[in-house]
Amino acid sequence: MRARDRRRPERLAVPVLTVVAVLLASCGAFEESEPLPTATPANANVVRNGGFEAGPEGWEPDAALATVDVAQARVRAGERSLRLSLGEAPDVAVRQALTAPAMPEYISGFFFVDGWGPDGGQHIELLVRVRGADFGDGYEVHELRMPIGGTVTPLPLPTIGYAFLDRDAPARGRWVYFGYPVTTGFQAEFGRVPAAWDALELVLAVRRDAEGGSAQVHFDELYAGPLRFNPNRPDAD
């Protein structure tokens, strides 16, 4: 009797599960669908004014001749975007000091190329700069540079690491998504992810390595925070 009792649930399990499956299928529970994006909590994004709707608030120049030029003619969402115009200066860049309890896991956003002149080694990049973190090498400043389009000549410096998102000339005339796991990049390039620092900065830049290169690039919808809360998607357009 005991042996037959132990086998009895096994014989009943298949019919029960079959009935449950039929009921769920009839309600549409087994229909294939794309997973819905996780709602982004208000405090997940450590970038302030990442859509530039508040004008230049939170941003400042990071190059000698740069200005925080907020434009309304080209936007992906809202009414404003950041415009970086590469002219006579070798680079144009803006930065924001991030207030974050930990290194942001992921950074994402969109850029739009309005103009791209003759090849002068120009490229688009974002970077995360850390000041006063203990990397064990005695250097004060470290940068993880993330080129996202154009020709780049890497600088052979121990304090600069590169994570190439794209090495080709950028697409023009449409918004292009970019995203990268920043903590993974710091681990790969410097051997550790800093846990504390004196300053943490996000920089958006358009640079060139030779004469003649020009560009006009817009940025919008910047995010830095946990990957699971990333509100941006590469196939959004």
Protein backbone atom coordinates (compact mmCIF):
# COMPACT_ATOMS: atom_id res chain seq x y z
CA MET A 1 0.00 0.00 0.00
CA ARG A 2 2.76 2.46 0.82
CA ALA A 3 4.46 1.94 -2.53
CA ARG A 4 1.19 2.50 -4.43
CA ASP A 5 0.43 5.66 -2.35
CA ARG A 6 3.83 7.15 -3.20
CA ARG A 7 3.23 6.64 -6.92
CA ARG A 8 -0.30 8.03 -6.95
CA PRO A 9 0.65 11.79 -6.96
CA GLU A 10 2.93 11.14 -9.95
CA ARG A 11 0.01 9.74 -11.98
CA LEU A 12 -2.23 12.68 -11.03
CA ALA A 13 0.36 15.41 -11.72
CA VAL A 14 0.15 15.26 -15.52
CA PRO A 15 -3.63 15.65 -15.84
CA VAL A 16 -3.70 18.48 -13.27
CA LEU A 17 -0.94 20.42 -15.00
CA THR A 18 -2.58 19.84 -18.35
CA VAL A 19 -5.86 21.34 -17.13
CA VAL A 20 -4.02 24.35 -15.66
CA ALA A 21 -2.12 24.88 -18.91
CA VAL A 22 -5.32 24.77 -20.95
CA LEU A 23 -6.97 27.31 -18.69
CA LEU A 24 -3.97 29.67 -18.80
CA ALA A 25 -3.68 29.35 -22.56
CA SER A 26 -7.35 30.18 -22.99
CA CYS A 27 -6.76 33.40 -21.02
CA GLY A 28 -3.81 34.38 -23.24
CA ALA A 29 -1.18 33.79 -20.54
CA PHE A 30 1.04 31.78 -22.92
CA GLU A 31 0.94 34.30 -25.76
CA GLU A 32 4.38 35.49 -26.84
CA SER A 33 5.03 39.16 -26.15
CA GLU A 34 7.99 41.46 -25.62
CA PRO A 35 8.77 42.12 -21.94
CA LEU A 36 7.65 45.51 -20.77
CA PRO A 37 10.45 47.87 -19.70
CA THR A 38 10.87 48.28 -15.96
CA ALA A 39 9.60 51.62 -14.72
CA THR A 40 12.52 53.89 -13.81
CA PRO A 41 12.34 55.20 -10.23
CA ALA A 42 12.71 58.96 -9.92
CA ASN A 43 15.99 58.67 -8.03
CA ALA A 44 17.59 55.97 -10.24
CA ASN A 45 19.08 58.44 -12.75
CA VAL A 46 22.00 60.33 -11.20
CA VAL A 47 22.25 62.66 -14.22
CA ARG A 48 20.52 65.94 -13.45
CA ASN A 49 18.74 67.62 -16.35
CA GLY A 50 19.72 64.81 -18.71
CA GLY A 51 17.13 65.98 -21.21
CA PHE A 52 18.27 69.64 -21.03
CA GLU A 53 14.72 70.81 -20.46
CA ALA A 54 16.06 73.14 -17.74
CA GLY A 55 18.54 74.73 -20.14
CA PRO A 56 22.20 74.53 -19.06
CA GLU A 57 21.35 73.81 -15.42
CA GLY A 58 23.71 71.20 -13.98
CA TRP A 59 26.20 71.43 -16.85
CA GLU A 60 29.37 73.48 -17.40
CA PRO A 61 32.07 73.76 -20.09
CA ASP A 62 34.88 71.20 -20.03
CA ALA A 63 36.99 72.76 -22.79
CA ALA A 64 38.54 76.21 -23.25
CA LEU A 65 36.14 77.52 -25.91
CA ALA A 66 33.12 75.37 -25.09
CA THR A 67 29.73 76.65 -24.03
CA VAL A 68 26.64 74.82 -22.82
CA ASP A 69 24.57 75.42 -25.94
CA VAL A 70 21.01 74.19 -25.43
CA ALA A 71 19.04 74.04 -28.69
CA GLN A 72 15.36 73.68 -29.57
CA ALA A 73 15.68 72.97 -33.30
CA ARG A 74 16.66 69.31 -32.86
CA VAL A 75 15.16 67.24 -30.04
CA ARG A 76 14.31 63.62 -29.42
CA ALA A 77 12.00 64.22 -26.48
CA GLY A 78 10.69 67.36 -24.83
CA GLU A 79 11.69 70.74 -26.24
CA ARG A 80 15.49 70.97 -25.84
CA SER A 81 18.76 69.14 -26.43
CA LEU A 82 22.48 69.85 -26.01
CA ARG A 83 24.29 71.03 -29.15
CA LEU A 84 28.07 70.65 -29.50
CA SER A 85 29.54 72.42 -32.53
CA LEU A 86 33.15 71.61 -33.39
CA GLY A 87 34.71 74.57 -35.19
CA GLU A 88 38.11 76.19 -34.74
CA ALA A 89 38.83 74.63 -31.35
CA PRO A 90 40.26 71.07 -31.31
CA ASP A 91 37.47 69.94 -29.01
CA VAL A 92 34.22 71.06 -27.47
CA ALA A 93 32.95 69.41 -24.31
CA VAL A 94 30.66 69.88 -21.34
CA ARG A 95 30.62 68.11 -17.98
CA GLN A 96 28.43 67.43 -14.99
CA ALA A 97 29.56 66.57 -11.47
CA LEU A 98 27.57 63.49 -10.49
CA THR A 99 26.31 62.97 -6.97
CA ALA A 100 26.05 59.21 -6.63
CA PRO A 101 26.45 56.76 -3.74
CA ALA A 102 28.28 54.33 -6.05
CA MET A 103 29.74 54.25 -9.53
CA PRO A 104 26.78 54.20 -11.97
CA GLU A 105 26.47 50.74 -13.44
CA TYR A 106 25.26 51.87 -16.85
CA ILE A 107 25.19 55.00 -19.01
CA SER A 108 22.93 55.56 -22.00
CA GLY A 109 21.42 58.26 -24.18
CA PHE A 110 20.95 59.42 -27.76
CA PHE A 111 22.93 61.58 -30.17
CA PHE A 112 22.09 63.17 -33.52
CA VAL A 113 24.69 64.28 -36.09
CA ASP A 114 23.61 67.36 -38.03
CA GLY A 115 26.96 68.04 -39.66
CA TRP A 116 30.15 66.05 -40.24
CA GLY A 117 32.84 67.86 -42.22
CA PRO A 118 35.97 66.58 -43.99
CA ASP A 119 37.81 63.92 -42.04
CA GLY A 120 40.06 65.55 -39.52
CA GLY A 121 40.10 62.75 -37.00
CA GLN A 122 36.91 64.05 -35.41
CA HIS A 123 34.95 61.80 -33.12
CA ILE A 124 32.15 61.78 -30.55
CA GLU A 125 32.75 60.45 -27.09
CA LEU A 126 31.44 60.38 -23.58
CA LEU A 127 33.68 59.77 -20.63
CA VAL A 128 33.54 59.24 -16.90
CA ARG A 129 36.27 61.06 -14.98
CA VAL A 130 37.20 60.16 -11.42
CA ARG A 131 39.27 62.42 -9.19
CA GLY A 132 40.86 61.33 -5.95
CA ALA A 133 39.96 57.64 -6.11
CA ASP A 134 42.43 55.04 -4.89
CA PHE A 135 43.43 52.96 -7.90
CA GLY A 136 46.72 52.03 -6.29
CA ASP A 137 48.86 53.73 -8.94
CA GLY A 138 49.42 57.14 -7.36
CA TYR A 139 47.58 59.13 -10.05
CA GLU A 140 44.95 61.68 -9.10
CA VAL A 141 42.69 61.57 -12.18
CA HIS A 142 41.44 58.59 -14.20
CA GLU A 143 39.20 58.63 -17.25
CA LEU A 144 37.18 55.92 -18.93
CA ARG A 145 36.63 57.23 -22.46
CA MET A 146 33.83 55.75 -24.56
CA PRO A 147 34.07 56.80 -28.25
CA ILE A 148 30.72 56.43 -29.97
CA GLY A 149 31.60 57.35 -33.56
CA GLY A 150 34.43 58.70 -35.70
CA THR A 151 38.18 58.28 -35.94
CA VAL A 152 40.01 58.02 -32.61
CA THR A 153 43.73 57.91 -31.90
CA PRO A 154 44.01 56.49 -28.35
CA LEU A 155 46.32 58.31 -25.97
CA PRO A 156 48.90 55.88 -24.50
CA LEU A 157 48.47 57.03 -20.91
CA PRO A 158 48.00 54.77 -17.87
CA THR A 159 45.26 57.03 -16.51
CA ILE A 160 43.04 56.82 -19.62
CA GLY A 161 41.15 53.69 -20.58
CA TYR A 162 39.11 53.19 -23.75
CA ALA A 163 35.88 51.31 -24.35
CA PHE A 164 34.97 51.66 -28.04
CA LEU A 165 31.24 51.68 -28.63
CA ASP A 166 31.72 52.39 -32.34
CA ARG A 167 34.81 53.08 -34.48
CA ASP A 168 32.99 53.99 -37.70
CA ALA A 169 31.80 57.39 -38.85
CA PRO A 170 28.51 58.09 -37.08
CA ALA A 171 25.15 57.81 -38.78
CA ARG A 172 23.69 61.15 -39.79
CA GLY A 173 20.21 62.55 -39.87
CA ARG A 174 18.71 60.34 -37.16
CA TRP A 175 18.86 59.81 -33.42
CA VAL A 176 21.30 57.05 -32.45
CA TYR A 177 21.21 55.17 -29.16
CA PHE A 178 24.34 54.53 -27.11
CA GLY A 179 24.79 52.56 -23.91
CA TYR A 180 27.66 51.00 -21.97
CA PRO A 181 28.22 49.20 -18.62
CA VAL A 182 30.56 51.68 -16.94
CA THR A 183 31.49 49.50 -13.97
CA THR A 184 32.54 46.73 -16.36
CA GLY A 185 34.73 49.23 -18.23
CA PHE A 186 36.52 50.44 -15.11
CA GLN A 187 37.15 46.87 -14.01
CA ALA A 188 38.55 45.93 -17.42
CA GLU A 189 40.72 49.03 -17.93
CA PHE A 190 41.94 49.79 -14.39
CA GLY A 191 41.48 46.53 -12.53
CA ARG A 192 38.88 47.85 -10.08
CA VAL A 193 35.72 49.86 -9.66
CA PRO A 194 36.36 52.75 -7.25
CA ALA A 195 34.14 52.81 -4.18
CA ALA A 196 34.97 56.38 -3.11
CA TRP A 197 36.30 59.53 -4.74
CA ASP A 198 36.67 63.27 -4.40
CA ALA A 199 34.79 64.01 -7.64
CA LEU A 200 32.92 62.01 -10.27
CA GLU A 201 32.17 63.67 -13.62
CA LEU A 202 30.29 62.79 -16.77
CA VAL A 203 31.67 64.48 -19.90
CA LEU A 204 30.13 64.76 -23.39
CA ALA A 205 32.59 65.74 -26.10
CA VAL A 206 33.27 66.16 -29.79
CA ARG A 207 37.01 66.19 -30.58
CA ARG A 208 39.41 66.06 -33.50
CA ASP A 209 43.01 64.95 -33.89
CA ALA A 210 43.91 66.92 -37.04
CA GLU A 211 43.06 70.08 -38.94
CA GLY A 212 39.94 70.31 -41.04
CA GLY A 213 37.47 68.20 -39.13
CA SER A 214 34.15 69.75 -38.17
CA ALA A 215 30.93 68.45 -36.64
CA GLN A 216 27.65 69.43 -35.06
CA VAL A 217 26.17 66.91 -32.66
CA HIS A 218 23.12 66.93 -30.37
CA PHE A 219 22.68 64.89 -27.17
CA ASP A 220 19.42 64.06 -25.42
CA GLU A 221 17.86 61.78 -22.75
CA LEU A 222 21.01 60.96 -20.80
CA TYR A 223 20.84 58.29 -18.11
CA ALA A 224 23.33 56.95 -15.55
CA GLY A 225 22.31 54.37 -12.97
CA PRO A 226 21.36 50.70 -12.59
CA LEU A 227 21.08 48.79 -15.86
CA ARG A 228 17.69 47.33 -14.92
CA PHE A 229 16.18 50.81 -14.77
CA ASN A 230 17.65 52.07 -18.05
CA PRO A 231 14.73 53.89 -19.72
CA ASN A 232 16.37 54.02 -23.14
CA ARG A 233 16.19 51.27 -25.77
CA PRO A 234 18.38 50.82 -28.89
CA ASP A 235 15.35 50.19 -31.11
CA ALA A 236 13.33 53.12 -29.78
CA ASP A 237 13.24 54.83 -33.22
